[in-house]
PDB file of N, CA and C in Angstrom:
ATOM      1  N   LEU A   1      89.803  88.402 116.083  1.00  0.00           N
ATOM      2  CA  LEU A   1      89.541  89.527 115.956  1.00  0.00           C
ATOM      3  C   LEU A   1      90.281  89.801 117.012  1.00  0.00           C
ATOM      4  N   GLU A   2      91.423  91.040 117.105  1.00  0.00           N
ATOM      5  CA  GLU A   2      92.354  91.263 117.982  1.00  0.00           C
ATOM      6  C   GLU A   2      91.411  92.149 119.090  1.00  0.00           C
ATOM      7  N   ALA A   3      91.272  91.913 119.777  1.00  0.00           N
ATOM      8  CA  ALA A   3      91.414  93.646 120.932  1.00  0.00           C
ATOM      9  C   ALA A   3      92.333  93.956 121.754  1.00  0.00           C
ATOM     10  N   GLU A   4      91.990  95.773 121.670  1.00  0.00           N
ATOM     11  CA  GLU A   4      93.190  96.502 122.748  1.00  0.00           C
ATOM     12  C   GLU A   4      92.832  97.333 123.566  1.00  0.00           C
ATOM     13  N   LEU A   5      92.870  97.081 124.511  1.00  0.00           N
ATOM     14  CA  LEU A   5      92.417  98.431 125.310  1.00  0.00           C
ATOM     15  C   LEU A   5      93.505  99.261 125.960  1.00  0.00           C
ATOM     16  N   GLN A   6      93.720 100.560 126.549  1.00  0.00           N
ATOM     17  CA  GLN A   6      94.938 100.954 125.969  1.00  0.00           C
ATOM     18  C   GLN A   6      94.210 102.397 126.993  1.00  0.00           C
ATOM     19  N   LEU A   7      94.448 102.250 128.741  1.00  0.00           N
ATOM     20  CA  LEU A   7      94.433 103.170 130.061  1.00  0.00           C
ATOM     21  C   LEU A   7      95.566 104.396 130.276  1.00  0.00           C
ATOM     22  N   ASP A   8      94.742 105.644 130.119  1.00  0.00           N
ATOM     23  CA  ASP A   8      95.690 106.593 130.115  1.00  0.00           C
ATOM     24  C   ASP A   8      95.879 107.273 128.898  1.00  0.00           C
ATOM     25  N   ARG A   9      95.986 106.292 127.158  1.00  0.00           N
ATOM     26  CA  ARG A   9      96.922 106.313 126.933  1.00  0.00           C
ATOM     27  C   ARG A   9      97.853 107.872 125.805  1.00  0.00           C
ATOM     28  N   LEU A  10      97.025 108.816 126.371  1.00  0.00           N
ATOM     29  CA  LEU A  10      97.808 110.439 126.037  1.00  0.00           C
ATOM     30  C   LEU A  10      98.622 110.329 126.975  1.00  0.00           C
ATOM     31  N   LYS A  11      99.477 109.582 127.714  1.00  0.00           N
ATOM     32  CA  LYS A  11     100.171 110.005 128.862  1.00  0.00           C
ATOM     33  C   LYS A  11     101.166 108.981 128.030  1.00  0.00           C
ATOM     34  N   PRO A  12     102.860 109.547 128.214  1.00  0.00           N
ATOM     35  CA  PRO A  12     103.885 108.465 127.582  1.00  0.00           C
ATOM     36  C   PRO A  12     103.859 107.105 128.587  1.00  0.00           C
ATOM     37  N   ARG A  13     103.981 105.952 128.140  1.00  0.00           N
ATOM     38  CA  ARG A  13     103.800 104.727 129.435  1.00  0.00           C
ATOM     39  C   ARG A  13     104.340 104.394 130.549  1.00  0.00           C
ATOM     40  N   LEU A  14     105.253 105.334 130.979  1.00  0.00           N
ATOM     41  CA  LEU A  14     105.696 105.644 132.547  1.00  0.00           C
ATOM     42  C   LEU A  14     105.761 106.144 133.217  1.00  0.00           C
ATOM     43  N   SER A  15     104.590 107.497 132.742  1.00  0.00           N
ATOM     44  CA  SER A  15     104.089 108.388 133.301  1.00  0.00           C
ATOM     45  C   SER A  15     102.072 107.870 133.452  1.00  0.00           C
ATOM     46  N   ARG A  16     102.329 107.277 133.145  1.00  0.00           N
ATOM     47  CA  ARG A  16     100.718 106.662 133.645  1.00  0.00           C
ATOM     48  C   ARG A  16      99.836 106.314 134.689  1.00  0.00           C
ATOM     49  N   ARG A  17      98.688 107.077 134.830  1.00  0.00           N
ATOM     50  CA  ARG A  17      97.919 106.884 135.772  1.00  0.00           C
ATOM     51  C   ARG A  17      96.626 105.958 136.713  1.00  0.00           C
ATOM     52  N   VAL A  18      96.430 105.877 135.264  1.00  0.00           N
ATOM     53  CA  VAL A  18      96.041 104.264 135.292  1.00  0.00           C
ATOM     54  C   VAL A  18      96.127 102.882 135.190  1.00  0.00           C
ATOM     55  N   LEU A  19      96.126 101.787 136.131  1.00  0.00           N
ATOM     56  CA  LEU A  19      95.969 100.224 135.415  1.00  0.00           C
ATOM     57  C   LEU A  19      96.025  99.032 136.036  1.00  0.00           C
ATOM     58  N   LEU A  20      95.800  98.441 135.282  1.00  0.00           N
ATOM     59  CA  LEU A  20      95.229  97.221 135.654  1.00  0.00           C
ATOM     60  C   LEU A  20      95.320  97.031 136.295  1.00  0.00           C
ATOM     61  N   LEU A  21      94.403  96.237 137.205  1.00  0.00           N
ATOM     62  CA  LEU A  21      94.286  95.319 138.291  1.00  0.00           C
ATOM     63  C   LEU A  21      95.742  94.551 138.743  1.00  0.00           C
ATOM     64  N   GLN A  22      94.904  93.354 137.387  1.00  0.00           N
ATOM     65  CA  GLN A  22      95.797  92.383 137.091  1.00  0.00           C
ATOM     66  C   GLN A  22      97.061  92.276 136.522  1.00  0.00           C
ATOM     67  N   GLY A  23      97.899  92.185 137.035  1.00  0.00           N
ATOM     68  CA  GLY A  23      99.881  93.062 136.323  1.00  0.00           C
ATOM     69  C   GLY A  23      99.712  94.329 136.350  1.00  0.00           C
ATOM     70  N   HIS A  24      98.870  94.502 136.560  1.00  0.00           N
ATOM     71  CA  HIS A  24      99.403  96.134 136.755  1.00  0.00           C
ATOM     72  C   HIS A  24     100.107  96.867 135.951  1.00  0.00           C
ATOM     73  N   GLN A  25      99.848  96.496 134.497  1.00  0.00           N
ATOM     74  CA  GLN A  25     100.121  97.555 133.347  1.00  0.00           C
ATOM     75  C   GLN A  25      98.643  98.198 132.831  1.00  0.00           C
ATOM     76  N   SER A  26      99.296  99.170 131.498  1.00  0.00           N
ATOM     77  CA  SER A  26      98.665 100.019 131.160  1.00  0.00           C
ATOM     78  C   SER A  26      97.604  99.318 129.915  1.00  0.00           C
ATOM     79  N   SER A  27      98.286  98.950 129.371  1.00  0.00           N
ATOM     80  CA  SER A  27      97.155  97.956 128.473  1.00  0.00           C
ATOM     81  C   SER A  27      96.605  96.638 128.492  1.00  0.00           C
ATOM     82  N   TRP A  28      95.651  96.186 127.640  1.00  0.00           N
ATOM     83  CA  TRP A  28      95.629  94.971 127.679  1.00  0.00           C
ATOM     84  C   TRP A  28      95.269  94.524 126.144  1.00  0.00           C
ATOM     85  N   HIS A  29      95.306  93.403 125.733  1.00  0.00           N
ATOM     86  CA  HIS A  29      95.709  92.650 124.816  1.00  0.00           C
ATOM     87  C   HIS A  29      94.773  90.984 124.423  1.00  0.00           C
ATOM     88  N   ARG A  30      94.036  91.025 123.368  1.00  0.00           N
ATOM     89  CA  ARG A  30      93.536  89.670 123.552  1.00  0.00           C
ATOM     90  C   ARG A  30      93.049  89.715 122.247  1.00  0.00           C
ATOM     91  N   GLU A  31      93.485  88.160 121.493  1.00  0.00           N
ATOM     92  CA  GLU A  31      92.475  87.575 120.315  1.00  0.00           C
ATOM     93  C   GLU A  31      91.344  86.618 120.982  1.00  0.00           C
ATOM     94  N   LEU A  32      90.775  87.481 120.090  1.00  0.00           N
ATOM     95  CA  LEU A  32      89.158  86.801 120.612  1.00  0.00           C
ATOM     96  C   LEU A  32      88.449  86.021 118.964  1.00  0.00           C
ATOM     97  N   ALA A  33      88.670  84.362 119.523  1.00  0.00           N
ATOM     98  CA  ALA A  33      87.507  83.484 118.805  1.00  0.00           C
ATOM     99  C   ALA A  33      86.284  84.041 118.555  1.00  0.00           C
ATOM    100  N   LEU A  34      85.966  83.886 117.777  1.00  0.00           N
ATOM    101  CA  LEU A  34      84.896  84.251 116.923  1.00  0.00           C
ATOM    102  C   LEU A  34      84.285  83.732 115.946  1.00  0.00           C
ATOM    103  N   ALA A  35      83.132  82.408 115.874  1.00  0.00           N
ATOM    104  CA  ALA A  35      82.553  81.971 115.081  1.00  0.00           C
ATOM    105  C   ALA A  35      80.685  81.936 114.856  1.00  0.00           C
ATOM    106  N   PRO A  36      80.729  81.461 113.521  1.00  0.00           N
ATOM    107  CA  PRO A  36      78.958  81.846 113.803  1.00  0.00           C
ATOM    108  C   PRO A  36      78.032  80.930 114.634  1.00  0.00           C
ATOM    109  N   GLY A  37      77.212  81.329 115.496  1.00  0.00           N
ATOM    110  CA  GLY A  37      76.291  80.352 116.617  1.00  0.00           C
ATOM    111  C   GLY A  37      77.048  80.802 117.627  1.00  0.00           C
ATOM    112  N   THR A  38      78.548  81.075 117.681  1.00  0.00           N
ATOM    113  CA  THR A  38      78.605  80.946 119.375  1.00  0.00           C
ATOM    114  C   THR A  38      78.376  81.881 120.096  1.00  0.00           C
ATOM    115  N   PRO A  39      78.062  81.577 121.780  1.00  0.00           N
ATOM    116  CA  PRO A  39      77.562  82.737 122.099  1.00  0.00           C
ATOM    117  C   PRO A  39      78.466  84.090 122.691  1.00  0.00           C
ATOM    118  N   PRO A  40      78.193  85.180 122.673  1.00  0.00           N
ATOM    119  CA  PRO A  40      78.803  86.480 123.054  1.00  0.00           C
ATOM    120  C   PRO A  40      79.887  85.842 124.104  1.00  0.00           C
ATOM    121  N   GLN A  41      81.129  87.136 123.969  1.00  0.00           N
ATOM    122  CA  GLN A  41      82.058  87.109 125.006  1.00  0.00           C
ATOM    123  C   GLN A  41      81.531  88.074 125.774  1.00  0.00           C
ATOM    124  N   CYS A  42      82.115  87.832 127.201  1.00  0.00           N
ATOM    125  CA  CYS A  42      81.885  89.176 127.758  1.00  0.00           C
ATOM    126  C   CYS A  42      83.617  89.301 128.891  1.00  0.00           C
ATOM    127  N   HIS A  43      83.880  89.741 128.953  1.00  0.00           N
ATOM    128  CA  HIS A  43      85.261  90.331 129.796  1.00  0.00           C
ATOM    129  C   HIS A  43      85.596  91.251 130.457  1.00  0.00           C
ATOM    130  N   ASN A  44      85.676  91.119 131.790  1.00  0.00           N
ATOM    131  CA  ASN A  44      85.458  92.306 132.982  1.00  0.00           C
ATOM    132  C   ASN A  44      86.756  92.491 133.417  1.00  0.00           C
ATOM    133  N   LEU A  45      87.233  93.820 133.123  1.00  0.00           N
ATOM    134  CA  LEU A  45      88.550  93.908 133.785  1.00  0.00           C
ATOM    135  C   LEU A  45      88.486  95.215 135.019  1.00  0.00           C
ATOM    136  N   THR A  46      89.238  95.093 136.224  1.00  0.00           N
ATOM    137  CA  THR A  46      89.470  96.206 136.802  1.00  0.00           C
ATOM    138  C   THR A  46      90.713  96.850 136.774  1.00  0.00           C
ATOM    139  N   ALA A  47      90.179  97.844 136.345  1.00  0.00           N
ATOM    140  CA  ALA A  47      91.846  99.157 136.877  1.00  0.00           C
ATOM    141  C   ALA A  47      91.846 100.227 137.979  1.00  0.00           C
ATOM    142  N   TYR A  48      92.963 100.665 138.235  1.00  0.00           N
ATOM    143  CA  TYR A  48      92.685 101.435 139.176  1.00  0.00           C
ATOM    144  C   TYR A  48      93.712 102.685 139.599  1.00  0.00           C
ATOM    145  N   LEU A  49      93.393 103.716 140.369  1.00  0.00           N
ATOM    146  CA  LEU A  49      94.453 105.093 139.635  1.00  0.00           C
ATOM    147  C   LEU A  49      94.996 104.753 140.664  1.00  0.00           C
ATOM    148  N   ARG A  50      96.303 105.159 140.261  1.00  0.00           N
ATOM    149  CA  ARG A  50      97.595 105.108 141.496  1.00  0.00           C
ATOM    150  C   ARG A  50      97.855 105.742 142.712  1.00  0.00           C
ATOM    151  N   ASP A  51      98.539 105.547 143.608  1.00  0.00           N
ATOM    152  CA  ASP A  51      97.851 107.043 144.375  1.00  0.00           C
ATOM    153  C   ASP A  51      98.773 108.483 144.154  1.00  0.00           C
ATOM    154  N   GLU A  52      97.882 109.442 144.720  1.00  0.00           N
ATOM    155  CA  GLU A  52      98.004 110.727 144.229  1.00  0.00           C
ATOM    156  C   GLU A  52      99.145 111.144 143.869  1.00  0.00           C
ATOM    157  N   ALA A  53     100.157 110.675 145.159  1.00  0.00           N
ATOM    158  CA  ALA A  53     101.878 110.868 145.124  1.00  0.00           C
ATOM    159  C   ALA A  53     102.763 110.894 143.841  1.00  0.00           C
ATOM    160  N   ASP A  54     102.012 109.214 143.219  1.00  0.00           N
ATOM    161  CA  ASP A  54     102.653 108.667 142.552  1.00  0.00           C
ATOM    162  C   ASP A  54     103.343 109.678 140.789  1.00  0.00           C
ATOM    163  N   PHE A  55     102.006 110.833 140.503  1.00  0.00           N
ATOM    164  CA  PHE A  55     102.126 111.506 140.062  1.00  0.00           C
ATOM    165  C   PHE A  55     101.527 112.921 139.898  1.00  0.00           C
ATOM    166  N   LYS A  56     102.176 114.162 138.985  1.00  0.00           N
ATOM    167  CA  LYS A  56     101.865 115.445 139.002  1.00  0.00           C
ATOM    168  C   LYS A  56     100.480 116.125 138.679  1.00  0.00           C
ATOM    169  N   ASP A  57     100.187 115.095 137.871  1.00  0.00           N
ATOM    170  CA  ASP A  57      98.781 115.916 136.334  1.00  0.00           C
ATOM    171  C   ASP A  57      97.630 114.835 136.935  1.00  0.00           C
ATOM    172  N   LYS A  58      96.925 115.864 137.497  1.00  0.00           N
ATOM    173  CA  LYS A  58      95.819 115.882 138.561  1.00  0.00           C
ATOM    174  C   LYS A  58      95.336 116.595 137.380  1.00  0.00           C
ATOM    175  N   LEU A  59      94.777 116.539 136.743  1.00  0.00           N
ATOM    176  CA  LEU A  59      93.802 117.869 135.780  1.00  0.00           C
ATOM    177  C   LEU A  59      93.151 117.212 134.579  1.00  0.00           C
ATOM    178  N   SER A  60      93.785 116.068 134.068  1.00  0.00           N
ATOM    179  CA  SER A  60      94.225 116.408 132.722  1.00  0.00           C
ATOM    180  C   SER A  60      93.395 114.979 132.608  1.00  0.00           C
ATOM    181  N   PRO A  61      92.036 114.986 131.997  1.00  0.00           N
ATOM    182  CA  PRO A  61      91.875 114.201 131.703  1.00  0.00           C
ATOM    183  C   PRO A  61      92.260 112.184 131.617  1.00  0.00           C
ATOM    184  N   VAL A  62      91.950 111.259 131.890  1.00  0.00           N
ATOM    185  CA  VAL A  62      91.924 109.950 131.777  1.00  0.00           C
ATOM    186  C   VAL A  62      91.930 109.355 129.799  1.00  0.00           C
ATOM    187  N   ALA A  63      92.694 109.395 129.374  1.00  0.00           N
ATOM    188  CA  ALA A  63      91.936 109.023 127.741  1.00  0.00           C
ATOM    189  C   ALA A  63      92.003 107.050 127.836  1.00  0.00           C
ATOM    190  N   LEU A  64      90.227 106.396 127.684  1.00  0.00           N
ATOM    191  CA  LEU A  64      90.508 105.701 127.406  1.00  0.00           C
ATOM    192  C   LEU A  64      90.518 105.588 125.565  1.00  0.00           C
ATOM    193  N   SER A  65      91.088 103.461 125.500  1.00  0.00           N
ATOM    194  CA  SER A  65      91.007 103.615 123.840  1.00  0.00           C
ATOM    195  C   SER A  65      90.160 102.057 123.956  1.00  0.00           C
ATOM    196  N   LEU A  66      89.968 102.047 123.136  1.00  0.00           N
ATOM    197  CA  LEU A  66      89.419 100.153 123.102  1.00  0.00           C
ATOM    198  C   LEU A  66      89.049  99.961 121.524  1.00  0.00           C
ATOM    199  N   SER A  67      90.899  99.118 121.062  1.00  0.00           N
ATOM    200  CA  SER A  67      90.418  99.283 119.553  1.00  0.00           C
ATOM    201  C   SER A  67      90.240  97.280 118.830  1.00  0.00           C
ATOM    202  N   LEU A  68      89.844  97.184 117.881  1.00  0.00           N
ATOM    203  CA  LEU A  68      89.111  95.690 117.858  1.00  0.00           C
ATOM    204  C   LEU A  68      90.269  95.714 116.105  1.00  0.00           C
ATOM    205  N   ALA A  69      90.458  94.663 115.909  1.00  0.00           N
ATOM    206  CA  ALA A  69      91.089  94.062 114.428  1.00  0.00           C
ATOM    207  C   ALA A  69      91.068  92.760 113.779  1.00  0.00           C
ATOM    208  N   LEU A  70      91.015  93.311 112.695  1.00  0.00           N
ATOM    209  CA  LEU A  70      91.611  91.791 112.323  1.00  0.00           C
ATOM    210  C   LEU A  70      92.768  91.274 112.611  1.00  0.00           C
ATOM    211  N   PRO A  71      93.334  89.964 112.269  1.00  0.00           N
ATOM    212  CA  PRO A  71      94.234  89.439 112.226  1.00  0.00           C
ATOM    213  C   PRO A  71      94.915  89.804 111.432  1.00  0.00           C
ATOM    214  N   ALA A  72      96.722  89.486 110.795  1.00  0.00           N
ATOM    215  CA  ALA A  72      97.198  90.245 109.673  1.00  0.00           C
ATOM    216  C   ALA A  72      97.494  89.279 109.125  1.00  0.00           C
ATOM    217  N   GLY A  73      96.788  89.464 107.483  1.00  0.00           N
ATOM    218  CA  GLY A  73      97.218  87.776 107.014  1.00  0.00           C
ATOM    219  C   GLY A  73      95.996  87.210 106.880  1.00  0.00           C
ATOM    220  N   THR A  74      94.623  88.003 106.659  1.00  0.00           N
ATOM    221  CA  THR A  74      93.151  87.708 107.471  1.00  0.00           C
ATOM    222  C   THR A  74      92.751  88.024 105.873  1.00  0.00           C
ATOM    223  N   PRO A  75      92.444  86.962 104.727  1.00  0.00           N
ATOM    224  CA  PRO A  75      92.220  86.902 103.577  1.00  0.00           C
ATOM    225  C   PRO A  75      91.048  87.271 103.423  1.00  0.00           C
ATOM    226  N   GLY A  76      89.891  87.930 102.629  1.00  0.00           N
ATOM    227  CA  GLY A  76      89.007  88.116 102.284  1.00  0.00           C
ATOM    228  C   GLY A  76      88.131  89.097 103.306  1.00  0.00           C
ATOM    229  N   LEU A  77      88.511  89.419 104.286  1.00  0.00           N
ATOM    230  CA  LEU A  77      87.989  90.029 105.221  1.00  0.00           C
ATOM    231  C   LEU A  77      88.447  91.296 105.641  1.00  0.00           C
ATOM    232  N   VAL A  78      87.040  92.136 105.676  1.00  0.00           N
ATOM    233  CA  VAL A  78      86.561  93.197 106.124  1.00  0.00           C
ATOM    234  C   VAL A  78      85.934  93.385 107.600  1.00  0.00           C
ATOM    235  N   LEU A  79      85.953  94.441 108.168  1.00  0.00           N
ATOM    236  CA  LEU A  79      85.979  95.011 109.570  1.00  0.00           C
ATOM    237  C   LEU A  79      85.133  96.127 109.436  1.00  0.00           C
ATOM    238  N   TYR A  80      83.963  96.141 109.435  1.00  0.00           N
ATOM    239  CA  TYR A  80      82.851  97.221 109.280  1.00  0.00           C
ATOM    240  C   TYR A  80      82.217  98.346 110.073  1.00  0.00           C
ATOM    241  N   GLY A  81      82.291  99.831 110.593  1.00  0.00           N
ATOM    242  CA  GLY A  81      81.936 100.014 111.340  1.00  0.00           C
ATOM    243  C   GLY A  81      83.666 101.099 112.249  1.00  0.00           C
ATOM    244  N   ASP A  82      82.729 101.396 113.747  1.00  0.00           N
ATOM    245  CA  ASP A  82      84.402 101.637 114.360  1.00  0.00           C
ATOM    246  C   ASP A  82      85.567 100.575 114.983  1.00  0.00           C
ATOM    247  N   THR A  83      86.476 101.504 114.477  1.00  0.00           N
ATOM    248  CA  THR A  83      87.251 100.326 115.215  1.00  0.00           C
ATOM    249  C   THR A  83      88.045 100.862 116.100  1.00  0.00           C
ATOM    250  N   LEU A  84      87.666 102.354 116.644  1.00  0.00           N
ATOM    251  CA  LEU A  84      88.433 102.729 117.674  1.00  0.00           C
ATOM    252  C   LEU A  84      87.133 103.182 118.399  1.00  0.00           C
ATOM    253  N   VAL A  85      87.353 103.245 120.011  1.00  0.00           N
ATOM    254  CA  VAL A  85      86.368 103.709 120.420  1.00  0.00           C
ATOM    255  C   VAL A  85      86.967 104.211 121.675  1.00  0.00           C
ATOM    256  N   GLN A  86      86.702 105.918 122.180  1.00  0.00           N
ATOM    257  CA  GLN A  86      87.253 106.519 123.454  1.00  0.00           C
ATOM    258  C   GLN A  86      85.756 107.170 123.390  1.00  0.00           C
ATOM    259  N   ALA A  87      85.750 107.212 124.911  1.00  0.00           N
ATOM    260  CA  ALA A  87      85.246 107.706 125.899  1.00  0.00           C
ATOM    261  C   ALA A  87      85.918 108.610 126.804  1.00  0.00           C
ATOM    262  N   GLN A  88      84.776 109.429 127.532  1.00  0.00           N
ATOM    263  CA  GLN A  88      85.844 110.849 127.919  1.00  0.00           C
ATOM    264  C   GLN A  88      83.733 110.788 129.309  1.00  0.00           C
ATOM    265  N   VAL A  89      84.139 110.308 130.838  1.00  0.00           N
ATOM    266  CA  VAL A  89      83.484 110.541 131.266  1.00  0.00           C
ATOM    267  C   VAL A  89      83.439 111.568 132.679  1.00  0.00           C
ATOM    268  N   ARG A  90      83.244 112.044 133.398  1.00  0.00           N
ATOM    269  CA  ARG A  90      83.137 112.759 134.519  1.00  0.00           C
ATOM    270  C   ARG A  90      83.044 112.650 135.459  1.00  0.00           C
ATOM    271  N   GLY A  91      83.971 112.443 136.686  1.00  0.00           N
ATOM    272  CA  GLY A  91      83.025 111.959 137.942  1.00  0.00           C
ATOM    273  C   GLY A  91      82.844 113.127 138.577  1.00  0.00           C
ATOM    274  N   THR A  92      82.160 112.589 139.602  1.00  0.00           N
ATOM    275  CA  THR A  92      81.500 113.851 141.135  1.00  0.00           C
ATOM    276  C   THR A  92      82.982 113.985 141.769  1.00  0.00           C
TER     277      THR A  92
END
């Protein structure tokens, strides 16, 4: 299963306001090996908001997305359910 996380995905790549702590990138991609009977996998990722002086847009929401897909060329398998998840949460 291929998983991809995009931070601040509505902005152009060079002007994204949120980055991952490890690697300072705005996206994360991982191929997850799943097999019957194996325990669930968990990945914790830490992200940070760039310094306000580094960007002008402070009002628009930060859109995050997580997509799941089967690797290309996987015969006979179909992924059911939502394959793209987006959420918007307002901070206090």
